[in-house]
Amino acid sequence: MIAGVAGGLGEYLAVDPTIIRLLIVLSLLLGLFPAVIAYAAAWAIVPEEPVLP
């Protein structure tokens, strides 16, 4: 999607990121505002992957 939230959650939960993306899209279709808030919160809370030299 936008910030790599689905990929990060998929990696953390050992689930295919495509499943996470589908769940995000489904939640956006069912109720826009709570899904946007949850996605933005995850974007702000989930740390970025460290850059290795």
C-alpha atoms as a PDB file:
ATOM      1  CA  MET A   1       0.000   0.000   0.000  1.00  0.00           C
ATOM      2  CA  ILE A   2       1.659   3.224   1.108  1.00  0.00           C
ATOM      3  CA  ALA A   3       4.102   2.727   3.962  1.00  0.00           C
ATOM      4  CA  GLY A   4       4.898  -0.976   3.915  1.00  0.00           C
ATOM      5  CA  VAL A   5       2.658  -1.709   6.884  1.00  0.00           C
ATOM      6  CA  ALA A   6       1.241  -4.873   5.315  1.00  0.00           C
ATOM      7  CA  GLY A   7       4.681  -6.194   4.434  1.00  0.00           C
ATOM      8  CA  GLY A   8       6.008  -5.514   7.912  1.00  0.00           C
ATOM      9  CA  LEU A   9       3.018  -7.080   9.646  1.00  0.00           C
ATOM     10  CA  GLY A  10       3.166 -10.065   7.313  1.00  0.00           C
ATOM     11  CA  GLU A  11       6.838 -10.593   8.095  1.00  0.00           C
ATOM     12  CA  TYR A  12       6.273 -10.181  11.839  1.00  0.00           C
ATOM     13  CA  LEU A  13       3.297 -12.556  11.913  1.00  0.00           C
ATOM     14  CA  ALA A  14       4.863 -15.007   9.404  1.00  0.00           C
ATOM     15  CA  VAL A  15       1.893 -14.555   7.070  1.00  0.00           C
ATOM     16  CA  ASP A  16       1.863 -13.733   3.382  1.00  0.00           C
ATOM     17  CA  PRO A  17       1.658  -9.918   3.049  1.00  0.00           C
ATOM     18  CA  THR A  18      -0.977 -10.358   0.336  1.00  0.00           C
ATOM     19  CA  ILE A  19      -3.389 -11.688   2.961  1.00  0.00           C
ATOM     20  CA  ILE A  20      -2.715  -8.665   5.158  1.00  0.00           C
ATOM     21  CA  ARG A  21      -3.249  -6.342   2.184  1.00  0.00           C
ATOM     22  CA  LEU A  22      -6.564  -8.015   1.353  1.00  0.00           C
ATOM     23  CA  LEU A  23      -7.694  -7.628   4.968  1.00  0.00           C
ATOM     24  CA  ILE A  24      -6.765  -3.942   4.896  1.00  0.00           C
ATOM     25  CA  VAL A  25      -8.684  -3.373   1.651  1.00  0.00           C
ATOM     26  CA  LEU A  26     -11.673  -5.296   3.000  1.00  0.00           C
ATOM     27  CA  SER A  27     -11.695  -3.216   6.168  1.00  0.00           C
ATOM     28  CA  LEU A  28     -11.479  -0.046   4.076  1.00  0.00           C
ATOM     29  CA  LEU A  29     -14.517  -1.156   2.081  1.00  0.00           C
ATOM     30  CA  LEU A  30     -16.541  -2.040   5.177  1.00  0.00           C
ATOM     31  CA  GLY A  31     -15.785   1.086   7.178  1.00  0.00           C
ATOM     32  CA  LEU A  32     -13.428   3.719   5.868  1.00  0.00           C
ATOM     33  CA  PHE A  33     -12.636   5.864   8.894  1.00  0.00           C
ATOM     34  CA  PRO A  34     -11.554   3.220  11.492  1.00  0.00           C
ATOM     35  CA  ALA A  35      -9.367   1.441   8.927  1.00  0.00           C
ATOM     36  CA  VAL A  36      -7.601   4.676   7.985  1.00  0.00           C
ATOM     37  CA  ILE A  37      -6.957   5.454  11.662  1.00  0.00           C
ATOM     38  CA  ALA A  38      -5.599   1.937  12.292  1.00  0.00           C
ATOM     39  CA  TYR A  39      -3.348   2.080   9.207  1.00  0.00           C
ATOM     40  CA  ALA A  40      -1.992   5.504  10.175  1.00  0.00           C
ATOM     41  CA  ALA A  41      -1.365   4.315  13.732  1.00  0.00           C
ATOM     42  CA  ALA A  42       0.509   1.256  12.479  1.00  0.00           C
ATOM     43  CA  TRP A  43       2.511   3.476  10.124  1.00  0.00           C
ATOM     44  CA  ALA A  44       3.553   5.643  13.067  1.00  0.00           C
ATOM     45  CA  ILE A  45       4.121   2.864  15.617  1.00  0.00           C
ATOM     46  CA  VAL A  46       5.818   0.078  13.645  1.00  0.00           C
ATOM     47  CA  PRO A  47       9.567   0.757  13.518  1.00  0.00           C
ATOM     48  CA  GLU A  48      11.399   0.871  10.228  1.00  0.00           C
ATOM     49  CA  GLU A  49      13.742  -1.929   9.323  1.00  0.00           C
ATOM     50  CA  PRO A  50      17.310  -1.004  10.245  1.00  0.00           C
ATOM     51  CA  VAL A  51      19.610  -0.246   7.344  1.00  0.00           C
ATOM     52  CA  LEU A  52      22.610  -2.557   7.316  1.00  0.00           C
ATOM     53  CA  PRO A  53      25.936  -1.279   6.002  1.00  0.00           C
END
